[in-house]
Amino acid sequence: MFSSRCFPLSVLLLLHDISKSLSDRVTAVIIGAISSLIYPVKATRRGSKRAILTELDARLDQWYHQLPADLTYDPASKRAVPPPPVLFIHIKYWFTVLLLHRAL
């Protein structure tokens, strides 16, 4: 359930810029690597794909755990729901996790 509190426009714009930069980096680097290494046009050996998957998973986890505290979100926590730009970072993260592990 979304929080009823309002966020000032300046805060939303700043968060949008930060989240766009962070989520674009995930899109450009990690999703690009998943597309080209996990789902290549030419078939690869299964063993090498698993090693690549493990490395990409570690890079993705590292990125996620290095998010600044203001950009983290845990649905189980008692904190208020963050603004939409922060939620979008987490949507992109989980999309990327699903894309990566779909290959298994």
PDB file of N, CA and C in Angstrom:
ATOM      1  N   MET A   1       0.838  -1.168   0.000  1.00  0.00           N
ATOM      2  CA  MET A   1       0.000   0.000   0.000  1.00  0.00           C
ATOM      3  C   MET A   1       0.888   1.239   0.000  1.00  0.00           C
ATOM      4  N   PHE A   2       0.558   2.223  -0.813  1.00  0.00           N
ATOM      5  CA  PHE A   2       1.362   3.423  -0.920  1.00  0.00           C
ATOM      6  C   PHE A   2       1.135   4.336   0.270  1.00  0.00           C
ATOM      7  N   SER A   3       2.180   5.034   0.637  1.00  0.00           N
ATOM      8  CA  SER A   3       2.109   6.003   1.713  1.00  0.00           C
ATOM      9  C   SER A   3       1.290   7.211   1.263  1.00  0.00           C
ATOM     10  N   SER A   4       0.572   7.803   2.183  1.00  0.00           N
ATOM     11  CA  SER A   4      -0.254   8.955   1.829  1.00  0.00           C
ATOM     12  C   SER A   4       0.519  10.264   1.886  1.00  0.00           C
ATOM     13  N   ARG A   5       1.739  10.233   2.372  1.00  0.00           N
ATOM     14  CA  ARG A   5       2.491  11.484   2.477  1.00  0.00           C
ATOM     15  C   ARG A   5       2.921  11.961   1.102  1.00  0.00           C
ATOM     16  N   CYS A   6       3.039  13.266   0.972  1.00  0.00           N
ATOM     17  CA  CYS A   6       3.440  13.867  -0.304  1.00  0.00           C
ATOM     18  C   CYS A   6       4.934  14.166  -0.273  1.00  0.00           C
ATOM     19  N   PHE A   7       5.549  14.071  -1.419  1.00  0.00           N
ATOM     20  CA  PHE A   7       6.957  14.390  -1.544  1.00  0.00           C
ATOM     21  C   PHE A   7       7.071  15.702  -2.301  1.00  0.00           C
ATOM     22  N   PRO A   8       7.946  16.616  -1.836  1.00  0.00           N
ATOM     23  CA  PRO A   8       8.140  17.866  -2.575  1.00  0.00           C
ATOM     24  C   PRO A   8       8.647  17.575  -3.989  1.00  0.00           C
ATOM     25  N   LEU A   9       8.251  18.411  -4.920  1.00  0.00           N
ATOM     26  CA  LEU A   9       8.633  18.225  -6.313  1.00  0.00           C
ATOM     27  C   LEU A   9      10.149  18.190  -6.473  1.00  0.00           C
ATOM     28  N   SER A  10      10.867  19.031  -5.749  1.00  0.00           N
ATOM     29  CA  SER A  10      12.327  19.056  -5.869  1.00  0.00           C
ATOM     30  C   SER A  10      12.944  17.722  -5.459  1.00  0.00           C
ATOM     31  N   VAL A  11      12.384  17.097  -4.419  1.00  0.00           N
ATOM     32  CA  VAL A  11      12.893  15.803  -3.967  1.00  0.00           C
ATOM     33  C   VAL A  11      12.595  14.733  -5.019  1.00  0.00           C
ATOM     34  N   LEU A  12      11.384  14.750  -5.561  1.00  0.00           N
ATOM     35  CA  LEU A  12      11.029  13.776  -6.594  1.00  0.00           C
ATOM     36  C   LEU A  12      11.899  13.924  -7.835  1.00  0.00           C
ATOM     37  N   LEU A  13      12.183  15.157  -8.226  1.00  0.00           N
ATOM     38  CA  LEU A  13      13.036  15.372  -9.400  1.00  0.00           C
ATOM     39  C   LEU A  13      14.451  14.885  -9.150  1.00  0.00           C
ATOM     40  N   LEU A  14      14.983  15.161  -7.961  1.00  0.00           N
ATOM     41  CA  LEU A  14      16.324  14.696  -7.618  1.00  0.00           C
ATOM     42  C   LEU A  14      16.364  13.172  -7.590  1.00  0.00           C
ATOM     43  N   LEU A  15      15.380  12.550  -6.953  1.00  0.00           N
ATOM     44  CA  LEU A  15      15.337  11.092  -6.901  1.00  0.00           C
ATOM     45  C   LEU A  15      15.172  10.490  -8.290  1.00  0.00           C
ATOM     46  N   HIS A  16      14.394  11.152  -9.133  1.00  0.00           N
ATOM     47  CA  HIS A  16      14.222  10.662 -10.503  1.00  0.00           C
ATOM     48  C   HIS A  16      15.555  10.661 -11.236  1.00  0.00           C
ATOM     49  N   ASP A  17      16.337  11.744 -11.104  1.00  0.00           N
ATOM     50  CA  ASP A  17      17.642  11.817 -11.758  1.00  0.00           C
ATOM     51  C   ASP A  17      18.580  10.733 -11.245  1.00  0.00           C
ATOM     52  N   ILE A  18      18.596  10.532  -9.927  1.00  0.00           N
ATOM     53  CA  ILE A  18      19.468   9.513  -9.332  1.00  0.00           C
ATOM     54  C   ILE A  18      19.032   8.114  -9.781  1.00  0.00           C
ATOM     55  N   SER A  19      17.722   7.851  -9.696  1.00  0.00           N
ATOM     56  CA  SER A  19      17.243   6.516 -10.046  1.00  0.00           C
ATOM     57  C   SER A  19      17.432   6.229 -11.529  1.00  0.00           C
ATOM     58  N   LYS A  20      17.253   7.234 -12.375  1.00  0.00           N
ATOM     59  CA  LYS A  20      17.450   7.035 -13.814  1.00  0.00           C
ATOM     60  C   LYS A  20      18.903   6.690 -14.093  1.00  0.00           C
ATOM     61  N   SER A  21      19.823   7.403 -13.453  1.00  0.00           N
ATOM     62  CA  SER A  21      21.245   7.132 -13.648  1.00  0.00           C
ATOM     63  C   SER A  21      21.593   5.715 -13.198  1.00  0.00           C
ATOM     64  N   LEU A  22      21.123   5.330 -12.011  1.00  0.00           N
ATOM     65  CA  LEU A  22      21.426   3.994 -11.491  1.00  0.00           C
ATOM     66  C   LEU A  22      20.762   2.901 -12.319  1.00  0.00           C
ATOM     67  N   SER A  23      19.490   3.085 -12.652  1.00  0.00           N
ATOM     68  CA  SER A  23      18.801   2.037 -13.400  1.00  0.00           C
ATOM     69  C   SER A  23      19.308   1.953 -14.832  1.00  0.00           C
ATOM     70  N   ASP A  24      19.731   3.088 -15.420  1.00  0.00           N
ATOM     71  CA  ASP A  24      20.313   3.050 -16.758  1.00  0.00           C
ATOM     72  C   ASP A  24      21.622   2.267 -16.758  1.00  0.00           C
ATOM     73  N   ARG A  25      22.390   2.406 -15.687  1.00  0.00           N
ATOM     74  CA  ARG A  25      23.640   1.669 -15.599  1.00  0.00           C
ATOM     75  C   ARG A  25      23.368   0.167 -15.543  1.00  0.00           C
ATOM     76  N   VAL A  26      22.365  -0.230 -14.776  1.00  0.00           N
ATOM     77  CA  VAL A  26      21.993  -1.649 -14.721  1.00  0.00           C
ATOM     78  C   VAL A  26      21.560  -2.113 -16.098  1.00  0.00           C
ATOM     79  N   THR A  27      20.715  -1.314 -16.745  1.00  0.00           N
ATOM     80  CA  THR A  27      20.221  -1.683 -18.066  1.00  0.00           C
ATOM     81  C   THR A  27      21.362  -1.822 -19.056  1.00  0.00           C
ATOM     82  N   ALA A  28      22.225  -0.845 -19.100  1.00  0.00           N
ATOM     83  CA  ALA A  28      23.285  -0.827 -20.100  1.00  0.00           C
ATOM     84  C   ALA A  28      24.311  -1.924 -19.884  1.00  0.00           C
ATOM     85  N   VAL A  29      24.702  -2.146 -18.669  1.00  0.00           N
ATOM     86  CA  VAL A  29      25.803  -3.071 -18.413  1.00  0.00           C
ATOM     87  C   VAL A  29      25.319  -4.499 -18.142  1.00  0.00           C
ATOM     88  N   ILE A  30      24.537  -4.669 -17.116  1.00  0.00           N
ATOM     89  CA  ILE A  30      24.187  -6.029 -16.694  1.00  0.00           C
ATOM     90  C   ILE A  30      23.159  -6.671 -17.624  1.00  0.00           C
ATOM     91  N   ILE A  31      22.102  -5.945 -17.970  1.00  0.00           N
ATOM     92  CA  ILE A  31      21.106  -6.531 -18.874  1.00  0.00           C
ATOM     93  C   ILE A  31      21.732  -6.786 -20.245  1.00  0.00           C
ATOM     94  N   GLY A  32      22.606  -5.896 -20.688  1.00  0.00           N
ATOM     95  CA  GLY A  32      23.311  -6.118 -21.952  1.00  0.00           C
ATOM     96  C   GLY A  32      24.162  -7.374 -21.908  1.00  0.00           C
ATOM     97  N   ALA A  33      24.849  -7.575 -20.785  1.00  0.00           N
ATOM     98  CA  ALA A  33      25.672  -8.777 -20.636  1.00  0.00           C
ATOM     99  C   ALA A  33      24.801 -10.034 -20.590  1.00  0.00           C
ATOM    100  N   ILE A  34      23.675  -9.959 -19.904  1.00  0.00           N
ATOM    101  CA  ILE A  34      22.764 -11.111 -19.851  1.00  0.00           C
ATOM    102  C   ILE A  34      22.286 -11.461 -21.259  1.00  0.00           C
ATOM    103  N   SER A  35      21.873 -10.436 -21.997  1.00  0.00           N
ATOM    104  CA  SER A  35      21.359 -10.679 -23.356  1.00  0.00           C
ATOM    105  C   SER A  35      22.400 -11.309 -24.260  1.00  0.00           C
ATOM    106  N   SER A  36      23.626 -10.805 -24.201  1.00  0.00           N
ATOM    107  CA  SER A  36      24.635 -11.301 -25.131  1.00  0.00           C
ATOM    108  C   SER A  36      25.326 -12.586 -24.662  1.00  0.00           C
ATOM    109  N   LEU A  37      25.445 -12.778 -23.340  1.00  0.00           N
ATOM    110  CA  LEU A  37      26.180 -13.948 -22.844  1.00  0.00           C
ATOM    111  C   LEU A  37      25.279 -15.119 -22.455  1.00  0.00           C
ATOM    112  N   ILE A  38      24.119 -14.827 -21.923  1.00  0.00           N
ATOM    113  CA  ILE A  38      23.227 -15.896 -21.478  1.00  0.00           C
ATOM    114  C   ILE A  38      22.275 -16.329 -22.593  1.00  0.00           C
ATOM    115  N   TYR A  39      21.837 -15.370 -23.407  1.00  0.00           N
ATOM    116  CA  TYR A  39      20.915 -15.659 -24.507  1.00  0.00           C
ATOM    117  C   TYR A  39      21.536 -15.303 -25.856  1.00  0.00           C
ATOM    118  N   PRO A  40      22.699 -15.895 -26.183  1.00  0.00           N
ATOM    119  CA  PRO A  40      23.353 -15.549 -27.447  1.00  0.00           C
ATOM    120  C   PRO A  40      22.613 -16.138 -28.649  1.00  0.00           C
ATOM    121  N   VAL A  41      22.911 -15.587 -29.808  1.00  0.00           N
ATOM    122  CA  VAL A  41      22.308 -16.097 -31.040  1.00  0.00           C
ATOM    123  C   VAL A  41      22.843 -17.494 -31.338  1.00  0.00           C
ATOM    124  N   LYS A  42      24.164 -17.687 -31.172  1.00  0.00           N
ATOM    125  CA  LYS A  42      24.772 -19.003 -31.358  1.00  0.00           C
ATOM    126  C   LYS A  42      24.810 -19.734 -30.023  1.00  0.00           C
ATOM    127  N   ALA A  43      24.555 -21.033 -30.053  1.00  0.00           N
ATOM    128  CA  ALA A  43      24.559 -21.839 -28.833  1.00  0.00           C
ATOM    129  C   ALA A  43      25.962 -21.915 -28.239  1.00  0.00           C
ATOM    130  N   THR A  44      26.028 -21.947 -26.899  1.00  0.00           N
ATOM    131  CA  THR A  44      27.299 -22.098 -26.199  1.00  0.00           C
ATOM    132  C   THR A  44      27.244 -23.343 -25.326  1.00  0.00           C
ATOM    133  N   ARG A  45      28.402 -23.723 -24.788  1.00  0.00           N
ATOM    134  CA  ARG A  45      28.440 -24.877 -23.894  1.00  0.00           C
ATOM    135  C   ARG A  45      27.691 -24.549 -22.611  1.00  0.00           C
ATOM    136  N   ARG A  46      26.984 -25.520 -22.072  1.00  0.00           N
ATOM    137  CA  ARG A  46      26.172 -25.331 -20.862  1.00  0.00           C
ATOM    138  C   ARG A  46      27.033 -24.952 -19.656  1.00  0.00           C
ATOM    139  N   GLY A  47      28.195 -25.551 -19.506  1.00  0.00           N
ATOM    140  CA  GLY A  47      29.070 -25.274 -18.369  1.00  0.00           C
ATOM    141  C   GLY A  47      29.531 -23.830 -18.337  1.00  0.00           C
ATOM    142  N   SER A  48      29.896 -23.301 -19.492  1.00  0.00           N
ATOM    143  CA  SER A  48      30.370 -21.919 -19.531  1.00  0.00           C
ATOM    144  C   SER A  48      29.227 -20.949 -19.240  1.00  0.00           C
ATOM    145  N   LYS A  49      28.014 -21.300 -19.641  1.00  0.00           N
ATOM    146  CA  LYS A  49      26.861 -20.447 -19.376  1.00  0.00           C
ATOM    147  C   LYS A  49      26.599 -20.349 -17.869  1.00  0.00           C
ATOM    148  N   ARG A  50      26.769 -21.470 -17.161  1.00  0.00           N
ATOM    149  CA  ARG A  50      26.551 -21.453 -15.709  1.00  0.00           C
ATOM    150  C   ARG A  50      27.583 -20.568 -15.010  1.00  0.00           C
ATOM    151  N   ALA A  51      28.829 -20.609 -15.456  1.00  0.00           N
ATOM    152  CA  ALA A  51      29.866 -19.761 -14.864  1.00  0.00           C
ATOM    153  C   ALA A  51      29.567 -18.280 -15.117  1.00  0.00           C
ATOM    154  N   ILE A  52      29.129 -17.965 -16.320  1.00  0.00           N
ATOM    155  CA  ILE A  52      28.769 -16.589 -16.656  1.00  0.00           C
ATOM    156  C   ILE A  52      27.582 -16.147 -15.811  1.00  0.00           C
ATOM    157  N   LEU A  53      26.598 -17.009 -15.668  1.00  0.00           N
ATOM    158  CA  LEU A  53      25.420 -16.699 -14.861  1.00  0.00           C
ATOM    159  C   LEU A  53      25.810 -16.398 -13.417  1.00  0.00           C
ATOM    160  N   THR A  54      26.706 -17.187 -12.867  1.00  0.00           N
ATOM    161  CA  THR A  54      27.176 -16.981 -11.499  1.00  0.00           C
ATOM    162  C   THR A  54      27.880 -15.633 -11.360  1.00  0.00           C
ATOM    163  N   GLU A  55      28.724 -15.300 -12.330  1.00  0.00           N
ATOM    164  CA  GLU A  55      29.435 -14.017 -12.278  1.00  0.00           C
ATOM    165  C   GLU A  55      28.465 -12.839 -12.392  1.00  0.00           C
ATOM    166  N   LEU A  56      27.518 -12.923 -13.327  1.00  0.00           N
ATOM    167  CA  LEU A  56      26.549 -11.838 -13.491  1.00  0.00           C
ATOM    168  C   LEU A  56      25.658 -11.697 -12.258  1.00  0.00           C
ATOM    169  N   ASP A  57      25.307 -12.809 -11.645  1.00  0.00           N
ATOM    170  CA  ASP A  57      24.507 -12.772 -10.423  1.00  0.00           C
ATOM    171  C   ASP A  57      25.276 -12.065  -9.309  1.00  0.00           C
ATOM    172  N   ALA A  58      26.561 -12.346  -9.198  1.00  0.00           N
ATOM    173  CA  ALA A  58      27.384 -11.692  -8.176  1.00  0.00           C
ATOM    174  C   ALA A  58      27.494 -10.184  -8.437  1.00  0.00           C
ATOM    175  N   ARG A  59      27.666  -9.797  -9.706  1.00  0.00           N
ATOM    176  CA  ARG A  59      27.736  -8.369 -10.045  1.00  0.00           C
ATOM    177  C   ARG A  59      26.422  -7.664  -9.741  1.00  0.00           C
ATOM    178  N   LEU A  60      25.321  -8.321 -10.033  1.00  0.00           N
ATOM    179  CA  LEU A  60      24.012  -7.753  -9.776  1.00  0.00           C
ATOM    180  C   LEU A  60      23.771  -7.597  -8.272  1.00  0.00           C
ATOM    181  N   ASP A  61      24.115  -8.611  -7.500  1.00  0.00           N
ATOM    182  CA  ASP A  61      23.982  -8.528  -6.042  1.00  0.00           C
ATOM    183  C   ASP A  61      24.857  -7.420  -5.463  1.00  0.00           C
ATOM    184  N   GLN A  62      26.080  -7.311  -5.974  1.00  0.00           N
ATOM    185  CA  GLN A  62      26.993  -6.261  -5.496  1.00  0.00           C
ATOM    186  C   GLN A  62      26.394  -4.887  -5.755  1.00  0.00           C
ATOM    187  N   TRP A  63      25.868  -4.680  -6.953  1.00  0.00           N
ATOM    188  CA  TRP A  63      25.242  -3.395  -7.290  1.00  0.00           C
ATOM    189  C   TRP A  63      24.092  -3.097  -6.336  1.00  0.00           C
ATOM    190  N   TYR A  64      23.256  -4.087  -6.095  1.00  0.00           N
ATOM    191  CA  TYR A  64      22.082  -3.906  -5.256  1.00  0.00           C
ATOM    192  C   TYR A  64      22.465  -3.576  -3.814  1.00  0.00           C
ATOM    193  N   HIS A  65      23.445  -4.275  -3.293  1.00  0.00           N
ATOM    194  CA  HIS A  65      23.854  -4.073  -1.898  1.00  0.00           C
ATOM    195  C   HIS A  65      24.660  -2.789  -1.700  1.00  0.00           C
ATOM    196  N   GLN A  66      25.130  -2.171  -2.767  1.00  0.00           N
ATOM    197  CA  GLN A  66      25.857  -0.915  -2.665  1.00  0.00           C
ATOM    198  C   GLN A  66      24.962   0.303  -2.883  1.00  0.00           C
ATOM    199  N   LEU A  67      23.660   0.083  -3.033  1.00  0.00           N
ATOM    200  CA  LEU A  67      22.752   1.221  -3.162  1.00  0.00           C
ATOM    201  C   LEU A  67      22.822   2.073  -1.897  1.00  0.00           C
ATOM    202  N   PRO A  68      22.775   3.390  -2.044  1.00  0.00           N
ATOM    203  CA  PRO A  68      22.734   4.250  -0.852  1.00  0.00           C
ATOM    204  C   PRO A  68      21.490   3.932  -0.011  1.00  0.00           C
ATOM    205  N   ALA A  69      21.578   4.165   1.282  1.00  0.00           N
ATOM    206  CA  ALA A  69      20.480   3.838   2.199  1.00  0.00           C
ATOM    207  C   ALA A  69      19.166   4.501   1.788  1.00  0.00           C
ATOM    208  N   ASP A  70      19.230   5.692   1.230  1.00  0.00           N
ATOM    209  CA  ASP A  70      18.015   6.404   0.823  1.00  0.00           C
ATOM    210  C   ASP A  70      17.321   5.731  -0.363  1.00  0.00           C
ATOM    211  N   LEU A  71      18.039   4.871  -1.080  1.00  0.00           N
ATOM    212  CA  LEU A  71      17.461   4.220  -2.253  1.00  0.00           C
ATOM    213  C   LEU A  71      17.103   2.759  -2.005  1.00  0.00           C
ATOM    214  N   THR A  72      17.268   2.300  -0.782  1.00  0.00           N
ATOM    215  CA  THR A  72      16.917   0.919  -0.473  1.00  0.00           C
ATOM    216  C   THR A  72      15.443   0.834  -0.104  1.00  0.00           C
ATOM    217  N   TYR A  73      14.884  -0.345  -0.272  1.00  0.00           N
ATOM    218  CA  TYR A  73      13.488  -0.563   0.091  1.00  0.00           C
ATOM    219  C   TYR A  73      13.291  -2.013   0.470  1.00  0.00           C
ATOM    220  N   ASP A  74      12.707  -2.216   1.625  1.00  0.00           N
ATOM    221  CA  ASP A  74      12.370  -3.549   2.100  1.00  0.00           C
ATOM    222  C   ASP A  74      10.885  -3.545   2.433  1.00  0.00           C
ATOM    223  N   PRO A  75      10.078  -4.260   1.652  1.00  0.00           N
ATOM    224  CA  PRO A  75       8.633  -4.239   1.890  1.00  0.00           C
ATOM    225  C   PRO A  75       8.241  -4.712   3.290  1.00  0.00           C
ATOM    226  N   ALA A  76       9.093  -5.489   3.944  1.00  0.00           N
ATOM    227  CA  ALA A  76       8.784  -5.988   5.281  1.00  0.00           C
ATOM    228  C   ALA A  76       9.091  -4.968   6.373  1.00  0.00           C
ATOM    229  N   SER A  77       9.806  -3.904   6.028  1.00  0.00           N
ATOM    230  CA  SER A  77      10.179  -2.926   7.044  1.00  0.00           C
ATOM    231  C   SER A  77       8.995  -2.026   7.395  1.00  0.00           C
ATOM    232  N   LYS A  78       9.121  -1.321   8.501  1.00  0.00           N
ATOM    233  CA  LYS A  78       8.076  -0.409   8.967  1.00  0.00           C
ATOM    234  C   LYS A  78       8.223   0.990   8.360  1.00  0.00           C
ATOM    235  N   ARG A  79       9.299   1.196   7.578  1.00  0.00           N
ATOM    236  CA  ARG A  79       9.505   2.505   6.952  1.00  0.00           C
ATOM    237  C   ARG A  79       8.414   2.798   5.940  1.00  0.00           C
ATOM    238  N   ALA A  80       8.191   4.073   5.705  1.00  0.00           N
ATOM    239  CA  ALA A  80       7.202   4.482   4.709  1.00  0.00           C
ATOM    240  C   ALA A  80       7.655   4.041   3.317  1.00  0.00           C
ATOM    241  N   VAL A  81       6.705   3.838   2.453  1.00  0.00           N
ATOM    242  CA  VAL A  81       7.011   3.449   1.074  1.00  0.00           C
ATOM    243  C   VAL A  81       7.738   4.608   0.405  1.00  0.00           C
ATOM    244  N   PRO A  82       8.868   4.336  -0.247  1.00  0.00           N
ATOM    245  CA  PRO A  82       9.622   5.419  -0.894  1.00  0.00           C
ATOM    246  C   PRO A  82       8.884   5.954  -2.125  1.00  0.00           C
ATOM    247  N   PRO A  83       9.351   7.083  -2.642  1.00  0.00           N
ATOM    248  CA  PRO A  83       8.706   7.660  -3.830  1.00  0.00           C
ATOM    249  C   PRO A  83       8.896   6.770  -5.060  1.00  0.00           C
ATOM    250  N   PRO A  84       8.066   6.973  -6.083  1.00  0.00           N
ATOM    251  CA  PRO A  84       8.101   6.122  -7.289  1.00  0.00           C
ATOM    252  C   PRO A  84       9.470   5.956  -7.948  1.00  0.00           C
ATOM    253  N   PRO A  85      10.314   6.987  -8.048  1.00  0.00           N
ATOM    254  CA  PRO A  85      11.619   6.746  -8.692  1.00  0.00           C
ATOM    255  C   PRO A  85      12.466   5.692  -7.971  1.00  0.00           C
ATOM    256  N   VAL A  86      12.357   5.649  -6.649  1.00  0.00           N
ATOM    257  CA  VAL A  86      13.105   4.644  -5.884  1.00  0.00           C
ATOM    258  C   VAL A  86      12.505   3.261  -6.126  1.00  0.00           C
ATOM    259  N   LEU A  87      11.198   3.188  -6.165  1.00  0.00           N
ATOM    260  CA  LEU A  87      10.546   1.907  -6.447  1.00  0.00           C
ATOM    261  C   LEU A  87      10.921   1.399  -7.836  1.00  0.00           C
ATOM    262  N   PHE A  88      11.074   2.327  -8.791  1.00  0.00           N
ATOM    263  CA  PHE A  88      11.435   1.925 -10.145  1.00  0.00           C
ATOM    264  C   PHE A  88      12.810   1.259 -10.189  1.00  0.00           C
ATOM    265  N   ILE A  89      13.742   1.720  -9.374  1.00  0.00           N
ATOM    266  CA  ILE A  89      15.055   1.071  -9.284  1.00  0.00           C
ATOM    267  C   ILE A  89      14.870  -0.401  -8.900  1.00  0.00           C
ATOM    268  N   HIS A  90      14.014  -0.648  -7.930  1.00  0.00           N
ATOM    269  CA  HIS A  90      13.804  -2.013  -7.446  1.00  0.00           C
ATOM    270  C   HIS A  90      13.041  -2.859  -8.464  1.00  0.00           C
ATOM    271  N   ILE A  91      12.140  -2.251  -9.199  1.00  0.00           N
ATOM    272  CA  ILE A  91      11.446  -2.972 -10.271  1.00  0.00           C
ATOM    273  C   ILE A  91      12.452  -3.429 -11.322  1.00  0.00           C
ATOM    274  N   LYS A  92      13.355  -2.521 -11.725  1.00  0.00           N
ATOM    275  CA  LYS A  92      14.371  -2.892 -12.725  1.00  0.00           C
ATOM    276  C   LYS A  92      15.319  -3.962 -12.193  1.00  0.00           C
ATOM    277  N   TYR A  93      15.670  -3.852 -10.919  1.00  0.00           N
ATOM    278  CA  TYR A  93      16.547  -4.855 -10.316  1.00  0.00           C
ATOM    279  C   TYR A  93      15.894  -6.242 -10.388  1.00  0.00           C
ATOM    280  N   TRP A  94      14.649  -6.350  -9.934  1.00  0.00           N
ATOM    281  CA  TRP A  94      13.983  -7.647  -9.910  1.00  0.00           C
ATOM    282  C   TRP A  94      13.695  -8.159 -11.313  1.00  0.00           C
ATOM    283  N   PHE A  95      13.426  -7.265 -12.260  1.00  0.00           N
ATOM    284  CA  PHE A  95      13.287  -7.681 -13.660  1.00  0.00           C
ATOM    285  C   PHE A  95      14.583  -8.333 -14.131  1.00  0.00           C
ATOM    286  N   THR A  96      15.708  -7.712 -13.792  1.00  0.00           N
ATOM    287  CA  THR A  96      17.014  -8.222 -14.208  1.00  0.00           C
ATOM    288  C   THR A  96      17.308  -9.566 -13.550  1.00  0.00           C
ATOM    289  N   VAL A  97      16.966  -9.713 -12.270  1.00  0.00           N
ATOM    290  CA  VAL A  97      17.162 -10.994 -11.574  1.00  0.00           C
ATOM    291  C   VAL A  97      16.337 -12.088 -12.274  1.00  0.00           C
ATOM    292  N   LEU A  98      15.086 -11.773 -12.589  1.00  0.00           N
ATOM    293  CA  LEU A  98      14.241 -12.767 -13.253  1.00  0.00           C
ATOM    294  C   LEU A  98      14.779 -13.124 -14.640  1.00  0.00           C
ATOM    295  N   LEU A  99      15.225 -12.130 -15.377  1.00  0.00           N
ATOM    296  CA  LEU A  99      15.787 -12.384 -16.707  1.00  0.00           C
ATOM    297  C   LEU A  99      17.017 -13.277 -16.620  1.00  0.00           C
ATOM    298  N   LEU A 100      17.862 -13.006 -15.650  1.00  0.00           N
ATOM    299  CA  LEU A 100      19.088 -13.784 -15.486  1.00  0.00           C
ATOM    300  C   LEU A 100      18.777 -15.232 -15.097  1.00  0.00           C
ATOM    301  N   HIS A 101      17.916 -15.431 -14.142  1.00  0.00           N
ATOM    302  CA  HIS A 101      17.659 -16.781 -13.632  1.00  0.00           C
ATOM    303  C   HIS A 101      16.637 -17.566 -14.450  1.00  0.00           C
ATOM    304  N   ARG A 102      16.017 -16.915 -15.387  1.00  0.00           N
ATOM    305  CA  ARG A 102      15.112 -17.603 -16.308  1.00  0.00           C
ATOM    306  C   ARG A 102      15.893 -18.630 -17.144  1.00  0.00           C
ATOM    307  N   ALA A 103      17.162 -18.378 -17.331  1.00  0.00           N
ATOM    308  CA  ALA A 103      18.010 -19.254 -18.142  1.00  0.00           C
ATOM    309  C   ALA A 103      18.221 -20.628 -17.490  1.00  0.00           C
ATOM    310  N   LEU A 104      18.010 -20.707 -16.191  1.00  0.00           N
ATOM    311  CA  LEU A 104      18.197 -22.007 -15.513  1.00  0.00           C
ATOM    312  C   LEU A 104      17.100 -22.902 -15.925  1.00  0.00           C
TER     313      LEU A 104
END
